[in-house]
PDB file of N, CA and C in Angstrom:
ATOM      1  N   UNK A   1       1.026  -1.398   0.082  1.00  0.00           N
ATOM      2  CA  UNK A   1      -0.032   0.084   0.160  1.00  0.00           C
ATOM      3  C   UNK A   1       0.899   1.397   0.112  1.00  0.00           C
ATOM      4  N   UNK A   2       0.530   2.248  -0.911  1.00  0.00           N
ATOM      5  CA  UNK A   2       1.282   3.430  -0.928  1.00  0.00           C
ATOM      6  C   UNK A   2       0.634   4.694   0.143  1.00  0.00           C
ATOM      7  N   UNK A   3       1.344   4.938   1.091  1.00  0.00           N
ATOM      8  CA  UNK A   3       0.813   6.104   1.591  1.00  0.00           C
ATOM      9  C   UNK A   3       1.537   7.522   1.489  1.00  0.00           C
ATOM     10  N   UNK A   4       0.303   8.445   1.635  1.00  0.00           N
ATOM     11  CA  UNK A   4       0.772   9.802   1.612  1.00  0.00           C
ATOM     12  C   UNK A   4       1.523  10.340   2.799  1.00  0.00           C
ATOM     13  N   UNK A   5       1.685   9.076   3.974  1.00  0.00           N
ATOM     14  CA  UNK A   5       2.250   9.805   4.868  1.00  0.00           C
ATOM     15  C   UNK A   5       3.567  10.665   4.939  1.00  0.00           C
ATOM     16  N   UNK A   6       3.935  11.265   5.690  1.00  0.00           N
ATOM     17  CA  UNK A   6       5.424  11.224   5.923  1.00  0.00           C
ATOM     18  C   UNK A   6       6.201  10.713   6.968  1.00  0.00           C
ATOM     19  N   UNK A   7       7.011   9.812   6.758  1.00  0.00           N
ATOM     20  CA  UNK A   7       7.206   8.609   8.147  1.00  0.00           C
ATOM     21  C   UNK A   7       7.930  10.371   9.540  1.00  0.00           C
ATOM     22  N   UNK A   8       7.620   9.528  10.753  1.00  0.00           N
ATOM     23  CA  UNK A   8       7.896   9.951  12.129  1.00  0.00           C
ATOM     24  C   UNK A   8       8.509  11.232  11.984  1.00  0.00           C
ATOM     25  N   UNK A   9      10.424  10.461  11.614  1.00  0.00           N
ATOM     26  CA  UNK A   9      11.377  11.491  11.315  1.00  0.00           C
ATOM     27  C   UNK A   9      11.161  12.589  10.477  1.00  0.00           C
ATOM     28  N   UNK A  10      10.341  12.216   9.531  1.00  0.00           N
ATOM     29  CA  UNK A  10      10.304  13.586   8.387  1.00  0.00           C
ATOM     30  C   UNK A  10       9.238  14.856   8.957  1.00  0.00           C
ATOM     31  N   UNK A  11       8.570  14.431   9.635  1.00  0.00           N
ATOM     32  CA  UNK A  11       7.490  15.139  10.355  1.00  0.00           C
ATOM     33  C   UNK A  11       7.573  15.804  11.402  1.00  0.00           C
ATOM     34  N   UNK A  12       8.977  15.252  12.284  1.00  0.00           N
ATOM     35  CA  UNK A  12       9.532  16.161  13.256  1.00  0.00           C
ATOM     36  C   UNK A  12      10.123  16.753  12.708  1.00  0.00           C
ATOM     37  N   UNK A  13      11.225  16.713  12.064  1.00  0.00           N
ATOM     38  CA  UNK A  13      11.775  17.682  10.636  1.00  0.00           C
ATOM     39  C   UNK A  13      10.936  18.866  10.685  1.00  0.00           C
ATOM     40  N   UNK A  14      10.141  18.471   9.378  1.00  0.00           N
ATOM     41  CA  UNK A  14       9.234  19.433   9.188  1.00  0.00           C
ATOM     42  C   UNK A  14       8.352  20.753  10.284  1.00  0.00           C
ATOM     43  N   UNK A  15       8.190  19.658  11.826  1.00  0.00           N
ATOM     44  CA  UNK A  15       7.736  20.612  12.578  1.00  0.00           C
ATOM     45  C   UNK A  15       9.118  21.454  13.281  1.00  0.00           C
ATOM     46  N   UNK A  16      10.369  21.178  13.368  1.00  0.00           N
ATOM     47  CA  UNK A  16      11.625  21.643  13.736  1.00  0.00           C
ATOM     48  C   UNK A  16      11.385  23.209  13.223  1.00  0.00           C
ATOM     49  N   UNK A  17      11.392  23.028  11.576  1.00  0.00           N
ATOM     50  CA  UNK A  17      11.742  24.001  10.480  1.00  0.00           C
ATOM     51  C   UNK A  17      10.620  25.272  11.107  1.00  0.00           C
ATOM     52  N   UNK A  18       9.587  24.433  10.718  1.00  0.00           N
ATOM     53  CA  UNK A  18       8.457  25.743  11.412  1.00  0.00           C
ATOM     54  C   UNK A  18       8.804  26.166  12.607  1.00  0.00           C
ATOM     55  N   UNK A  19       9.205  25.988  13.807  1.00  0.00           N
ATOM     56  CA  UNK A  19       9.422  26.309  14.851  1.00  0.00           C
ATOM     57  C   UNK A  19      10.575  27.512  14.606  1.00  0.00           C
ATOM     58  N   UNK A  20      11.617  26.849  14.052  1.00  0.00           N
ATOM     59  CA  UNK A  20      12.379  27.888  14.085  1.00  0.00           C
ATOM     60  C   UNK A  20      12.065  29.183  13.006  1.00  0.00           C
ATOM     61  N   UNK A  21      11.287  28.930  12.006  1.00  0.00           N
ATOM     62  CA  UNK A  21      10.908  29.758  11.180  1.00  0.00           C
ATOM     63  C   UNK A  21      10.222  30.991  12.199  1.00  0.00           C
ATOM     64  N   UNK A  22       9.694  30.137  12.846  1.00  0.00           N
ATOM     65  CA  UNK A  22       8.721  30.913  13.554  1.00  0.00           C
ATOM     66  C   UNK A  22       9.440  31.835  14.871  1.00  0.00           C
ATOM     67  N   UNK A  23      10.691  31.524  15.236  1.00  0.00           N
ATOM     68  CA  UNK A  23      11.532  31.993  16.371  1.00  0.00           C
ATOM     69  C   UNK A  23      12.555  32.897  15.520  1.00  0.00           C
ATOM     70  N   UNK A  24      12.214  32.772  13.991  1.00  0.00           N
ATOM     71  CA  UNK A  24      13.259  33.763  13.141  1.00  0.00           C
ATOM     72  C   UNK A  24      12.455  34.640  13.001  1.00  0.00           C
ATOM     73  N   UNK A  25      10.987  34.507  12.760  1.00  0.00           N
ATOM     74  CA  UNK A  25      10.118  35.826  12.090  1.00  0.00           C
ATOM     75  C   UNK A  25      10.607  36.816  12.922  1.00  0.00           C
ATOM     76  N   UNK A  26       9.451  37.702  12.290  1.00  0.00           N
ATOM     77  CA  UNK A  26       9.682  39.113  12.876  1.00  0.00           C
ATOM     78  C   UNK A  26       8.732  39.283  13.835  1.00  0.00           C
ATOM     79  N   UNK A  27       8.970  40.067  14.890  1.00  0.00           N
ATOM     80  CA  UNK A  27       7.713  40.118  15.964  1.00  0.00           C
ATOM     81  C   UNK A  27       6.292  39.964  15.231  1.00  0.00           C
ATOM     82  N   UNK A  28       6.152  41.220  14.684  1.00  0.00           N
ATOM     83  CA  UNK A  28       4.307  41.360  13.975  1.00  0.00           C
ATOM     84  C   UNK A  28       4.226  39.361  13.102  1.00  0.00           C
ATOM     85  N   UNK A  29       4.820  39.038  12.875  1.00  0.00           N
ATOM     86  CA  UNK A  29       4.515  37.603  12.592  1.00  0.00           C
ATOM     87  C   UNK A  29       4.673  36.411  13.262  1.00  0.00           C
ATOM     88  N   UNK A  30       5.343  36.377  13.986  1.00  0.00           N
ATOM     89  CA  UNK A  30       5.432  35.977  15.602  1.00  0.00           C
ATOM     90  C   UNK A  30       4.031  35.638  16.196  1.00  0.00           C
ATOM     91  N   UNK A  31       3.482  36.831  16.290  1.00  0.00           N
ATOM     92  CA  UNK A  31       2.330  37.121  17.102  1.00  0.00           C
ATOM     93  C   UNK A  31       1.481  36.596  16.027  1.00  0.00           C
ATOM     94  N   UNK A  32       1.260  36.375  14.838  1.00  0.00           N
ATOM     95  CA  UNK A  32      -0.139  36.392  14.237  1.00  0.00           C
ATOM     96  C   UNK A  32      -0.044  34.689  14.136  1.00  0.00           C
ATOM     97  N   UNK A  33       1.180  33.996  14.680  1.00  0.00           N
ATOM     98  CA  UNK A  33       1.308  32.594  14.203  1.00  0.00           C
ATOM     99  C   UNK A  33       0.410  31.977  15.568  1.00  0.00           C
ATOM    100  N   UNK A  34      -0.367  32.927  16.694  1.00  0.00           N
ATOM    101  CA  UNK A  34      -0.730  31.728  17.713  1.00  0.00           C
ATOM    102  C   UNK A  34      -2.298  33.007  18.056  1.00  0.00           C
ATOM    103  N   UNK A  35      -3.414  31.837  18.390  1.00  0.00           N
ATOM    104  CA  UNK A  35      -4.075  32.948  19.074  1.00  0.00           C
ATOM    105  C   UNK A  35      -4.140  33.621  20.365  1.00  0.00           C
ATOM    106  N   UNK A  36      -4.697  34.790  20.376  1.00  0.00           N
ATOM    107  CA  UNK A  36      -5.523  35.850  20.903  1.00  0.00           C
ATOM    108  C   UNK A  36      -5.541  35.027  22.795  1.00  0.00           C
ATOM    109  N   UNK A  37      -5.506  34.228  22.820  1.00  0.00           N
ATOM    110  CA  UNK A  37      -6.055  33.421  23.786  1.00  0.00           C
ATOM    111  C   UNK A  37      -4.904  32.888  24.936  1.00  0.00           C
ATOM    112  N   UNK A  38      -3.566  32.870  24.225  1.00  0.00           N
ATOM    113  CA  UNK A  38      -2.582  32.177  24.399  1.00  0.00           C
ATOM    114  C   UNK A  38      -1.240  33.203  24.920  1.00  0.00           C
ATOM    115  N   UNK A  39      -0.548  32.825  25.689  1.00  0.00           N
ATOM    116  CA  UNK A  39       0.793  33.586  26.294  1.00  0.00           C
ATOM    117  C   UNK A  39       1.679  32.999  24.780  1.00  0.00           C
ATOM    118  N   UNK A  40       1.315  33.853  23.502  1.00  0.00           N
ATOM    119  CA  UNK A  40       2.053  33.856  22.747  1.00  0.00           C
ATOM    120  C   UNK A  40       3.348  33.830  22.793  1.00  0.00           C
ATOM    121  N   UNK A  41       4.150  34.176  22.832  1.00  0.00           N
ATOM    122  CA  UNK A  41       5.641  34.230  23.499  1.00  0.00           C
ATOM    123  C   UNK A  41       6.589  32.753  24.156  1.00  0.00           C
ATOM    124  N   UNK A  42       5.542  32.175  25.385  1.00  0.00           N
ATOM    125  CA  UNK A  42       5.894  31.238  25.783  1.00  0.00           C
ATOM    126  C   UNK A  42       5.548  30.185  24.910  1.00  0.00           C
ATOM    127  N   UNK A  43       4.151  30.375  24.148  1.00  0.00           N
ATOM    128  CA  UNK A  43       3.990  28.581  23.344  1.00  0.00           C
ATOM    129  C   UNK A  43       4.850  28.628  22.527  1.00  0.00           C
ATOM    130  N   UNK A  44       5.315  29.824  21.566  1.00  0.00           N
ATOM    131  CA  UNK A  44       6.526  29.299  20.742  1.00  0.00           C
ATOM    132  C   UNK A  44       7.723  28.724  21.136  1.00  0.00           C
ATOM    133  N   UNK A  45       8.074  29.445  22.798  1.00  0.00           N
ATOM    134  CA  UNK A  45       9.266  28.863  23.239  1.00  0.00           C
ATOM    135  C   UNK A  45       9.016  27.181  23.386  1.00  0.00           C
ATOM    136  N   UNK A  46       7.955  26.943  23.846  1.00  0.00           N
ATOM    137  CA  UNK A  46       7.600  25.588  24.099  1.00  0.00           C
ATOM    138  C   UNK A  46       7.243  24.666  22.838  1.00  0.00           C
ATOM    139  N   UNK A  47       7.112  25.557  21.740  1.00  0.00           N
ATOM    140  CA  UNK A  47       7.173  24.284  20.908  1.00  0.00           C
ATOM    141  C   UNK A  47       8.548  24.111  20.357  1.00  0.00           C
ATOM    142  N   UNK A  48       9.306  25.112  20.302  1.00  0.00           N
ATOM    143  CA  UNK A  48      10.728  25.168  19.939  1.00  0.00           C
ATOM    144  C   UNK A  48      11.217  23.638  21.097  1.00  0.00           C
ATOM    145  N   UNK A  49      11.024  24.001  21.909  1.00  0.00           N
ATOM    146  CA  UNK A  49      11.916  22.880  23.162  1.00  0.00           C
ATOM    147  C   UNK A  49      10.726  21.085  22.899  1.00  0.00           C
ATOM    148  N   UNK A  50      10.003  21.427  22.554  1.00  0.00           N
ATOM    149  CA  UNK A  50       9.283  20.323  22.336  1.00  0.00           C
ATOM    150  C   UNK A  50       9.681  19.397  21.218  1.00  0.00           C
ATOM    151  N   UNK A  51      10.060  20.072  19.900  1.00  0.00           N
ATOM    152  CA  UNK A  51      10.237  19.600  18.686  1.00  0.00           C
ATOM    153  C   UNK A  51      11.733  19.320  18.706  1.00  0.00           C
ATOM    154  N   UNK A  52      12.543  20.300  19.613  1.00  0.00           N
ATOM    155  CA  UNK A  52      14.005  20.455  19.112  1.00  0.00           C
ATOM    156  C   UNK A  52      14.619  18.810  19.941  1.00  0.00           C
ATOM    157  N   UNK A  53      13.441  18.550  21.407  1.00  0.00           N
ATOM    158  CA  UNK A  53      14.136  18.048  22.099  1.00  0.00           C
ATOM    159  C   UNK A  53      13.753  16.134  21.683  1.00  0.00           C
ATOM    160  N   UNK A  54      12.533  16.531  20.932  1.00  0.00           N
ATOM    161  CA  UNK A  54      11.919  15.105  20.221  1.00  0.00           C
ATOM    162  C   UNK A  54      12.971  14.856  18.984  1.00  0.00           C
ATOM    163  N   UNK A  55      13.489  15.194  18.379  1.00  0.00           N
ATOM    164  CA  UNK A  55      14.515  15.488  16.683  1.00  0.00           C
ATOM    165  C   UNK A  55      15.345  14.895  18.162  1.00  0.00           C
ATOM    166  N   UNK A  56      16.609  15.655  19.190  1.00  0.00           N
ATOM    167  CA  UNK A  56      17.333  15.009  19.446  1.00  0.00           C
ATOM    168  C   UNK A  56      17.387  13.709  19.961  1.00  0.00           C
ATOM    169  N   UNK A  57      16.690  13.553  20.194  1.00  0.00           N
ATOM    170  CA  UNK A  57      16.432  12.465  21.114  1.00  0.00           C
ATOM    171  C   UNK A  57      16.004  11.335  20.674  1.00  0.00           C
ATOM    172  N   UNK A  58      15.880  11.585  19.045  1.00  0.00           N
ATOM    173  CA  UNK A  58      15.806   9.913  17.979  1.00  0.00           C
ATOM    174  C   UNK A  58      17.476   9.327  18.393  1.00  0.00           C
ATOM    175  N   UNK A  59      17.490   7.803  17.810  1.00  0.00           N
ATOM    176  CA  UNK A  59      18.918   7.579  17.817  1.00  0.00           C
ATOM    177  C   UNK A  59      19.406   7.762  16.416  1.00  0.00           C
ATOM    178  N   UNK A  60      18.652   7.655  15.525  1.00  0.00           N
ATOM    179  CA  UNK A  60      18.436   8.080  14.104  1.00  0.00           C
ATOM    180  C   UNK A  60      18.502   9.722  13.794  1.00  0.00           C
ATOM    181  N   UNK A  61      18.877  10.329  14.237  1.00  0.00           N
ATOM    182  CA  UNK A  61      18.235  11.916  14.011  1.00  0.00           C
ATOM    183  C   UNK A  61      19.094  12.406  13.051  1.00  0.00           C
ATOM    184  N   UNK A  62      20.708  12.246  12.513  1.00  0.00           N
ATOM    185  CA  UNK A  62      20.948  12.488  11.754  1.00  0.00           C
ATOM    186  C   UNK A  62      21.422  13.758  11.452  1.00  0.00           C
ATOM    187  N   UNK A  63      21.584  14.521  12.992  1.00  0.00           N
ATOM    188  CA  UNK A  63      22.144  15.723  13.299  1.00  0.00           C
ATOM    189  C   UNK A  63      23.665  15.930  12.955  1.00  0.00           C
ATOM    190  N   UNK A  64      23.445  17.258  12.169  1.00  0.00           N
ATOM    191  CA  UNK A  64      25.503  17.188  12.366  1.00  0.00           C
ATOM    192  C   UNK A  64      25.960  17.722  13.405  1.00  0.00           C
ATOM    193  N   UNK A  65      26.620  18.144  13.841  1.00  0.00           N
ATOM    194  CA  UNK A  65      28.081  18.989  14.740  1.00  0.00           C
ATOM    195  C   UNK A  65      27.128  20.506  14.963  1.00  0.00           C
ATOM    196  N   UNK A  66      27.277  20.995  13.812  1.00  0.00           N
ATOM    197  CA  UNK A  66      26.759  22.428  13.456  1.00  0.00           C
ATOM    198  C   UNK A  66      25.150  22.395  13.715  1.00  0.00           C
ATOM    199  N   UNK A  67      24.628  21.488  13.181  1.00  0.00           N
ATOM    200  CA  UNK A  67      22.958  21.400  14.123  1.00  0.00           C
ATOM    201  C   UNK A  67      22.981  21.513  14.785  1.00  0.00           C
ATOM    202  N   UNK A  68      23.491  20.432  15.567  1.00  0.00           N
ATOM    203  CA  UNK A  68      23.216  20.237  17.034  1.00  0.00           C
ATOM    204  C   UNK A  68      23.993  21.880  18.123  1.00  0.00           C
ATOM    205  N   UNK A  69      24.840  22.069  17.572  1.00  0.00           N
ATOM    206  CA  UNK A  69      25.525  23.100  17.947  1.00  0.00           C
ATOM    207  C   UNK A  69      24.171  24.466  17.987  1.00  0.00           C
ATOM    208  N   UNK A  70      23.738  24.885  16.771  1.00  0.00           N
ATOM    209  CA  UNK A  70      22.589  26.031  16.287  1.00  0.00           C
ATOM    210  C   UNK A  70      21.739  25.667  17.563  1.00  0.00           C
ATOM    211  N   UNK A  71      20.975  24.634  17.508  1.00  0.00           N
ATOM    212  CA  UNK A  71      20.087  24.194  18.248  1.00  0.00           C
ATOM    213  C   UNK A  71      20.734  24.419  20.306  1.00  0.00           C
ATOM    214  N   UNK A  72      21.698  24.046  20.441  1.00  0.00           N
ATOM    215  CA  UNK A  72      22.433  24.220  21.506  1.00  0.00           C
ATOM    216  C   UNK A  72      22.117  25.788  22.012  1.00  0.00           C
ATOM    217  N   UNK A  73      22.535  26.368  20.984  1.00  0.00           N
ATOM    218  CA  UNK A  73      22.720  27.902  21.150  1.00  0.00           C
ATOM    219  C   UNK A  73      21.522  28.693  21.396  1.00  0.00           C
ATOM    220  N   UNK A  74      20.178  28.352  20.636  1.00  0.00           N
ATOM    221  CA  UNK A  74      18.764  28.516  21.309  1.00  0.00           C
ATOM    222  C   UNK A  74      18.436  28.425  22.155  1.00  0.00           C
ATOM    223  N   UNK A  75      19.199  27.407  22.640  1.00  0.00           N
ATOM    224  CA  UNK A  75      18.247  26.672  23.902  1.00  0.00           C
ATOM    225  C   UNK A  75      19.044  27.305  25.592  1.00  0.00           C
ATOM    226  N   UNK A  76      20.450  27.546  24.927  1.00  0.00           N
ATOM    227  CA  UNK A  76      21.245  28.686  25.839  1.00  0.00           C
ATOM    228  C   UNK A  76      20.811  30.191  26.088  1.00  0.00           C
ATOM    229  N   UNK A  77      19.972  30.148  24.803  1.00  0.00           N
ATOM    230  CA  UNK A  77      19.701  31.764  24.891  1.00  0.00           C
ATOM    231  C   UNK A  77      18.610  31.729  25.523  1.00  0.00           C
ATOM    232  N   UNK A  78      17.497  30.669  25.191  1.00  0.00           N
ATOM    233  CA  UNK A  78      16.352  30.981  26.301  1.00  0.00           C
ATOM    234  C   UNK A  78      16.297  30.432  27.574  1.00  0.00           C
ATOM    235  N   UNK A  79      17.343  29.637  27.746  1.00  0.00           N
ATOM    236  CA  UNK A  79      17.464  29.339  29.258  1.00  0.00           C
ATOM    237  C   UNK A  79      17.805  31.076  30.151  1.00  0.00           C
ATOM    238  N   UNK A  80      19.084  31.603  28.910  1.00  0.00           N
ATOM    239  CA  UNK A  80      19.555  33.155  29.546  1.00  0.00           C
ATOM    240  C   UNK A  80      18.538  33.827  30.018  1.00  0.00           C
ATOM    241  N   UNK A  81      17.131  33.848  28.986  1.00  0.00           N
ATOM    242  CA  UNK A  81      16.224  34.795  29.244  1.00  0.00           C
ATOM    243  C   UNK A  81      15.179  34.096  30.312  1.00  0.00           C
ATOM    244  N   UNK A  82      14.905  32.904  30.484  1.00  0.00           N
ATOM    245  CA  UNK A  82      14.593  32.293  31.497  1.00  0.00           C
ATOM    246  C   UNK A  82      14.671  33.380  33.354  1.00  0.00           C
ATOM    247  N   UNK A  83      16.252  32.659  32.967  1.00  0.00           N
ATOM    248  CA  UNK A  83      16.691  33.123  34.563  1.00  0.00           C
ATOM    249  C   UNK A  83      16.553  34.461  34.541  1.00  0.00           C
ATOM    250  N   UNK A  84      16.672  35.273  33.447  1.00  0.00           N
ATOM    251  CA  UNK A  84      16.441  36.400  34.052  1.00  0.00           C
ATOM    252  C   UNK A  84      14.964  36.785  34.295  1.00  0.00           C
ATOM    253  N   UNK A  85      14.639  36.439  33.881  1.00  0.00           N
ATOM    254  CA  UNK A  85      12.851  36.649  34.198  1.00  0.00           C
ATOM    255  C   UNK A  85      12.546  36.237  35.566  1.00  0.00           C
ATOM    256  N   UNK A  86      13.404  35.091  36.062  1.00  0.00           N
ATOM    257  CA  UNK A  86      13.079  34.444  37.136  1.00  0.00           C
ATOM    258  C   UNK A  86      14.022  35.845  38.621  1.00  0.00           C
ATOM    259  N   UNK A  87      15.393  35.709  38.398  1.00  0.00           N
ATOM    260  CA  UNK A  87      16.328  36.306  39.001  1.00  0.00           C
ATOM    261  C   UNK A  87      15.904  37.947  38.536  1.00  0.00           C
ATOM    262  N   UNK A  88      15.632  38.497  37.954  1.00  0.00           N
ATOM    263  CA  UNK A  88      15.613  39.920  38.131  1.00  0.00           C
ATOM    264  C   UNK A  88      13.776  40.825  37.855  1.00  0.00           C
ATOM    265  N   UNK A  89      13.100  39.496  37.788  1.00  0.00           N
ATOM    266  CA  UNK A  89      11.263  40.095  37.982  1.00  0.00           C
ATOM    267  C   UNK A  89      11.643  40.846  36.018  1.00  0.00           C
ATOM    268  N   UNK A  90      12.501  40.065  35.315  1.00  0.00           N
ATOM    269  CA  UNK A  90      12.105  41.036  33.998  1.00  0.00           C
ATOM    270  C   UNK A  90      11.367  40.169  33.180  1.00  0.00           C
ATOM    271  N   UNK A  91      10.237  40.915  32.243  1.00  0.00           N
ATOM    272  CA  UNK A  91       9.316  40.772  31.346  1.00  0.00           C
ATOM    273  C   UNK A  91      10.276  40.195  29.965  1.00  0.00           C
ATOM    274  N   UNK A  92      10.392  39.041  29.964  1.00  0.00           N
ATOM    275  CA  UNK A  92      10.577  38.414  28.590  1.00  0.00           C
ATOM    276  C   UNK A  92      10.034  37.261  27.648  1.00  0.00           C
ATOM    277  N   UNK A  93       8.482  37.309  28.606  1.00  0.00           N
ATOM    278  CA  UNK A  93       7.427  36.886  27.613  1.00  0.00           C
ATOM    279  C   UNK A  93       6.197  37.675  27.267  1.00  0.00           C
ATOM    280  N   UNK A  94       6.253  38.586  27.430  1.00  0.00           N
ATOM    281  CA  UNK A  94       5.150  39.632  26.767  1.00  0.00           C
ATOM    282  C   UNK A  94       5.347  39.805  25.372  1.00  0.00           C
ATOM    283  N   UNK A  95       4.249  40.433  24.937  1.00  0.00           N
ATOM    284  CA  UNK A  95       4.341  40.823  23.924  1.00  0.00           C
ATOM    285  C   UNK A  95       5.009  42.203  23.232  1.00  0.00           C
ATOM    286  N   UNK A  96       5.339  42.657  24.536  1.00  0.00           N
ATOM    287  CA  UNK A  96       5.877  43.819  24.208  1.00  0.00           C
ATOM    288  C   UNK A  96       7.714  43.500  24.180  1.00  0.00           C
ATOM    289  N   UNK A  97       7.962  42.621  25.473  1.00  0.00           N
ATOM    290  CA  UNK A  97       9.096  42.038  25.171  1.00  0.00           C
ATOM    291  C   UNK A  97       9.759  41.347  23.953  1.00  0.00           C
ATOM    292  N   UNK A  98       8.653  40.567  23.567  1.00  0.00           N
ATOM    293  CA  UNK A  98       8.780  39.865  22.062  1.00  0.00           C
ATOM    294  C   UNK A  98       9.043  40.722  21.053  1.00  0.00           C
ATOM    295  N   UNK A  99       8.206  42.235  21.338  1.00  0.00           N
ATOM    296  CA  UNK A  99       8.808  43.305  20.127  1.00  0.00           C
ATOM    297  C   UNK A  99      10.012  43.957  19.798  1.00  0.00           C
ATOM    298  N   UNK A 100      10.276  44.040  21.390  1.00  0.00           N
ATOM    299  CA  UNK A 100      11.201  45.203  22.012  1.00  0.00           C
ATOM    300  C   UNK A 100      12.759  44.757  22.590  1.00  0.00           C
ATOM    301  N   UNK A 101      12.467  43.840  23.034  1.00  0.00           N
ATOM    302  CA  UNK A 101      13.622  43.121  23.532  1.00  0.00           C
ATOM    303  C   UNK A 101      14.550  42.990  23.206  1.00  0.00           C
ATOM    304  N   UNK A 102      16.248  43.153  23.716  1.00  0.00           N
ATOM    305  CA  UNK A 102      16.965  42.693  22.598  1.00  0.00           C
ATOM    306  C   UNK A 102      17.344  41.337  22.951  1.00  0.00           C
ATOM    307  N   UNK A 103      17.446  40.731  23.769  1.00  0.00           N
ATOM    308  CA  UNK A 103      17.068  39.010  23.869  1.00  0.00           C
ATOM    309  C   UNK A 103      16.327  38.808  22.775  1.00  0.00           C
ATOM    310  N   UNK A 104      15.087  39.009  22.386  1.00  0.00           N
ATOM    311  CA  UNK A 104      14.159  38.179  21.574  1.00  0.00           C
ATOM    312  C   UNK A 104      15.371  38.562  20.527  1.00  0.00           C
ATOM    313  N   UNK A 105      15.430  39.547  20.299  1.00  0.00           N
ATOM    314  CA  UNK A 105      16.302  40.135  18.693  1.00  0.00           C
ATOM    315  C   UNK A 105      17.426  38.811  18.671  1.00  0.00           C
ATOM    316  N   UNK A 106      18.016  38.982  19.606  1.00  0.00           N
ATOM    317  CA  UNK A 106      19.413  37.460  19.248  1.00  0.00           C
ATOM    318  C   UNK A 106      18.784  36.378  19.010  1.00  0.00           C
ATOM    319  N   UNK A 107      17.435  36.280  19.903  1.00  0.00           N
ATOM    320  CA  UNK A 107      17.224  34.905  19.550  1.00  0.00           C
ATOM    321  C   UNK A 107      16.502  34.888  17.715  1.00  0.00           C
ATOM    322  N   UNK A 108      15.786  35.669  17.755  1.00  0.00           N
ATOM    323  CA  UNK A 108      15.690  35.432  16.222  1.00  0.00           C
ATOM    324  C   UNK A 108      16.960  35.324  15.151  1.00  0.00           C
ATOM    325  N   UNK A 109      18.318  35.725  15.564  1.00  0.00           N
ATOM    326  CA  UNK A 109      19.528  36.005  14.821  1.00  0.00           C
ATOM    327  C   UNK A 109      19.710  34.438  15.068  1.00  0.00           C
ATOM    328  N   UNK A 110      19.478  33.977  16.513  1.00  0.00           N
ATOM    329  CA  UNK A 110      20.043  32.302  16.686  1.00  0.00           C
ATOM    330  C   UNK A 110      19.085  31.008  15.678  1.00  0.00           C
ATOM    331  N   UNK A 111      18.030  31.625  15.717  1.00  0.00           N
ATOM    332  CA  UNK A 111      16.851  30.809  14.957  1.00  0.00           C
ATOM    333  C   UNK A 111      17.285  30.682  13.426  1.00  0.00           C
ATOM    334  N   UNK A 112      17.593  32.125  13.218  1.00  0.00           N
ATOM    335  CA  UNK A 112      18.039  32.217  11.829  1.00  0.00           C
ATOM    336  C   UNK A 112      19.302  31.234  11.004  1.00  0.00           C
ATOM    337  N   UNK A 113      20.319  31.799  12.037  1.00  0.00           N
ATOM    338  CA  UNK A 113      21.604  30.487  11.963  1.00  0.00           C
ATOM    339  C   UNK A 113      21.507  29.154  11.809  1.00  0.00           C
ATOM    340  N   UNK A 114      20.685  28.589  12.676  1.00  0.00           N
ATOM    341  CA  UNK A 114      20.298  27.691  13.236  1.00  0.00           C
ATOM    342  C   UNK A 114      19.191  27.328  11.352  1.00  0.00           C
ATOM    343  N   UNK A 115      18.304  27.731  10.662  1.00  0.00           N
ATOM    344  CA  UNK A 115      17.987  27.521   9.436  1.00  0.00           C
ATOM    345  C   UNK A 115      18.666  27.075   8.700  1.00  0.00           C
ATOM    346  N   UNK A 116      20.151  28.091   8.683  1.00  0.00           N
ATOM    347  CA  UNK A 116      21.289  27.776   7.517  1.00  0.00           C
ATOM    348  C   UNK A 116      21.768  26.575   7.884  1.00  0.00           C
ATOM    349  N   UNK A 117      22.093  26.442   9.022  1.00  0.00           N
ATOM    350  CA  UNK A 117      22.636  24.982   9.640  1.00  0.00           C
ATOM    351  C   UNK A 117      21.894  23.515   8.958  1.00  0.00           C
ATOM    352  N   UNK A 118      20.920  24.075   8.697  1.00  0.00           N
ATOM    353  CA  UNK A 118      19.576  22.649   8.093  1.00  0.00           C
ATOM    354  C   UNK A 118      19.957  22.740   7.160  1.00  0.00           C
ATOM    355  N   UNK A 119      19.854  24.255   6.400  1.00  0.00           N
ATOM    356  CA  UNK A 119      19.816  24.326   4.954  1.00  0.00           C
ATOM    357  C   UNK A 119      18.633  24.435   4.166  1.00  0.00           C
ATOM    358  N   UNK A 120      17.350  25.176   5.563  1.00  0.00           N
ATOM    359  CA  UNK A 120      16.485  25.472   5.558  1.00  0.00           C
ATOM    360  C   UNK A 120      16.283  27.158   5.452  1.00  0.00           C
ATOM    361  N   UNK A 121      15.424  27.402   4.316  1.00  0.00           N
ATOM    362  CA  UNK A 121      15.181  29.242   3.839  1.00  0.00           C
ATOM    363  C   UNK A 121      14.236  29.635   5.654  1.00  0.00           C
ATOM    364  N   UNK A 122      14.053  31.193   5.664  1.00  0.00           N
ATOM    365  CA  UNK A 122      13.759  31.676   6.910  1.00  0.00           C
ATOM    366  C   UNK A 122      11.861  31.731   6.545  1.00  0.00           C
ATOM    367  N   UNK A 123      11.645  31.668   5.347  1.00  0.00           N
ATOM    368  CA  UNK A 123      10.453  31.350   4.629  1.00  0.00           C
ATOM    369  C   UNK A 123       9.463  30.490   4.694  1.00  0.00           C
TER     370      UNK A 123
END
């Protein structure tokens, strides 16, 4: 039987690509990706965390050192943002922060670098 379904790994990579593209997008595009009823920055970060963990957790992930390093750089950036939010009571997860905070701009740049490491475009 011929199936039109992608294998699980391919679906996970497709989801990772979408997640990285979301992180790399301009703030207005990022905000448009999620419904108003959710914490948009949180949802975007959770989505990345989940799909990056799923792909890295596969024995057959086939990721290069450069790809792994690019994903780790985003992880480290998001961890720094979480720590700042906790330790300094910084507002990292609001829509205003998403639009204006330098940490979010750095996250966008890291996501662009990750997309390049995978050979994917920003769009």
